C-alpha atoms as a PDB file:
ATOM      1  CA  MET A   1      11.417  15.258  -9.818  1.00  0.00           C
ATOM      2  CA  THR A   2       8.040  16.277  -9.594  1.00  0.00           C
ATOM      3  CA  GLU A   3       6.808  19.797  -8.189  1.00  0.00           C
ATOM      4  CA  LEU A   4       4.864  18.152  -5.425  1.00  0.00           C
ATOM      5  CA  LEU A   5       8.134  16.051  -4.254  1.00  0.00           C
ATOM      6  CA  GLN A   6      10.209  19.227  -4.523  1.00  0.00           C
ATOM      7  CA  GLN A   7       7.544  21.153  -2.242  1.00  0.00           C
ATOM      8  CA  ALA A   8       7.965  18.048   0.165  1.00  0.00           C
ATOM      9  CA  ILE A   9      11.827  18.079   0.144  1.00  0.00           C
ATOM     10  CA  ALA A  10      11.932  21.553   0.826  1.00  0.00           C
ATOM     11  CA  GLN A  11       9.662  21.499   3.774  1.00  0.00           C
ATOM     12  CA  ILE A  12      11.413  18.818   5.050  1.00  0.00           C
ATOM     13  CA  GLN A  13      14.831  20.757   4.666  1.00  0.00           C
ATOM     14  CA  GLN A  14      13.542  23.146   7.367  1.00  0.00           C
ATOM     15  CA  LEU A  15      13.124  20.280   9.952  1.00  0.00           C
ATOM     16  CA  PRO A  16      15.845  19.683  12.520  1.00  0.00           C
ATOM     17  CA  PRO A  17      18.072  16.573  11.314  1.00  0.00           C
ATOM     18  CA  ASP A  18      16.775  14.022  13.374  1.00  0.00           C
ATOM     19  CA  GLN A  19      13.265  14.754  12.110  1.00  0.00           C
ATOM     20  CA  GLN A  20      14.629  14.937   8.859  1.00  0.00           C
ATOM     21  CA  ASP A  21      16.191  11.204   9.167  1.00  0.00           C
ATOM     22  CA  ALA A  22      13.206   9.656  10.673  1.00  0.00           C
ATOM     23  CA  ILE A  23      11.084  10.968   7.446  1.00  0.00           C
ATOM     24  CA  ALA A  24      13.690   9.714   5.474  1.00  0.00           C
ATOM     25  CA  ALA A  25      13.769   6.404   7.290  1.00  0.00           C
ATOM     26  CA  ARG A  26      10.069   6.016   6.526  1.00  0.00           C
ATOM     27  CA  PHE A  27      10.250   6.996   2.954  1.00  0.00           C
ATOM     28  CA  LEU A  28      13.107   4.382   2.275  1.00  0.00           C
ATOM     29  CA  ALA A  29      11.162   1.712   4.279  1.00  0.00           C
ATOM     30  CA  GLU A  30       8.087   2.511   2.072  1.00  0.00           C
ATOM     31  CA  LEU A  31      10.012   2.123  -0.702  1.00  0.00           C
ATOM     32  CA  GLN A  32      11.156  -1.029   0.243  1.00  0.00           C
ATOM     33  CA  ASP A  33       8.020  -2.518   0.999  1.00  0.00           C
ATOM     34  CA  GLU A  34       6.705  -1.344  -2.424  1.00  0.00           C
ATOM     35  CA  GLN A  35       9.514  -3.034  -4.351  1.00  0.00           C
ATOM     36  CA  LYS A  36       8.736  -6.052  -2.364  1.00  0.00           C
ATOM     37  CA  TRP A  37       5.181  -6.084  -3.345  1.00  0.00           C
ATOM     38  CA  ASP A  38       5.635  -5.128  -6.620  1.00  0.00           C
ATOM     39  CA  ALA A  39       7.932  -8.471  -7.167  1.00  0.00           C
ATOM     40  CA  GLN A  40       5.285 -10.372  -5.204  1.00  0.00           C
ATOM     41  CA  PHE A  41       2.943  -9.517  -7.562  1.00  0.00           C
ATOM     42  CA  VAL A  42       5.197 -10.061 -10.581  1.00  0.00           C
ATOM     43  CA  ALA A  43       6.282 -13.530  -9.392  1.00  0.00           C
ATOM     44  CA  THR A  44       2.583 -14.692  -8.805  1.00  0.00           C
ATOM     45  CA  THR A  45       1.396 -17.309 -11.385  1.00  0.00           C
ATOM     46  CA  ASP A  46      -2.155 -17.226 -13.232  1.00  0.00           C
ATOM     47  CA  ASN A  47      -2.584 -20.731 -11.277  1.00  0.00           C
ATOM     48  CA  GLN A  48      -2.196 -18.793  -7.821  1.00  0.00           C
ATOM     49  CA  TRP A  49      -4.625 -15.958  -9.074  1.00  0.00           C
ATOM     50  CA  ASP A  50      -6.983 -18.618 -10.148  1.00  0.00           C
ATOM     51  CA  GLN A  51      -6.587 -20.472  -6.630  1.00  0.00           C
ATOM     52  CA  MET A  52      -7.136 -16.767  -4.692  1.00  0.00           C
ATOM     53  CA  ALA A  53     -10.098 -16.185  -6.747  1.00  0.00           C
ATOM     54  CA  ALA A  54     -11.731 -19.290  -6.115  1.00  0.00           C
ATOM     55  CA  MET A  55     -11.220 -19.025  -2.341  1.00  0.00           C
ATOM     56  CA  VAL A  56     -12.671 -15.747  -2.352  1.00  0.00           C
ATOM     57  CA  ARG A  57     -15.684 -17.069  -4.129  1.00  0.00           C
ATOM     58  CA  GLN A  58     -15.991 -19.881  -1.560  1.00  0.00           C
ATOM     59  CA  GLU A  59     -15.810 -17.031   0.963  1.00  0.00           C
ATOM     60  CA  ILE A  60     -18.476 -15.172  -0.685  1.00  0.00           C
ATOM     61  CA  ALA A  61     -20.791 -18.252  -0.901  1.00  0.00           C
ATOM     62  CA  LYS A  62     -20.190 -18.952   2.644  1.00  0.00           C
ATOM     63  CA  GLY A  63     -21.285 -15.291   3.905  1.00  0.00           C
ATOM     64  CA  GLU A  64     -17.716 -15.105   5.211  1.00  0.00           C
ATOM     65  CA  THR A  65     -17.435 -11.341   3.841  1.00  0.00           C
ATOM     66  CA  VAL A  66     -18.662  -8.167   4.738  1.00  0.00           C
ATOM     67  CA  PRO A  67     -19.695  -5.536   2.347  1.00  0.00           C
ATOM     68  CA  LEU A  68     -17.153  -2.787   1.553  1.00  0.00           C
ATOM     69  CA  ASP A  69     -19.831  -0.120   2.586  1.00  0.00           C
ATOM     70  CA  GLU A  70     -19.962  -1.529   6.094  1.00  0.00           C
ATOM     71  CA  VAL A  71     -16.007  -1.255   6.499  1.00  0.00           C
ATOM     72  CA  PHE A  72     -15.714   2.219   4.708  1.00  0.00           C
ATOM     73  CA  PRO A  73     -19.176   3.766   5.027  1.00  0.00           C
ATOM     74  CA  ALA A  74     -20.018   6.676   3.214  1.00  0.00           C
ATOM     75  CA  GLN A  75     -18.629  10.128   4.364  1.00  0.00           C
ATOM     76  CA  LYS A  76     -20.881  12.897   4.437  1.00  0.00           C
END
């Protein structure tokens, strides 16, 4: 277990049981979601990636995209 995780668990242990359970439920849900995403990526074929890339290129060519700096402006 990493030091950061140990610190987080130590702080969580100081909370009331209902808050501990709420955090644990969110943590477990996040782990399950990550496992689903990992499985989805592993199952994606090269052909599917190629199709997705072609779709993105078409959207860019049609001007249907927004530059990332407009979505996530630089912080000052």
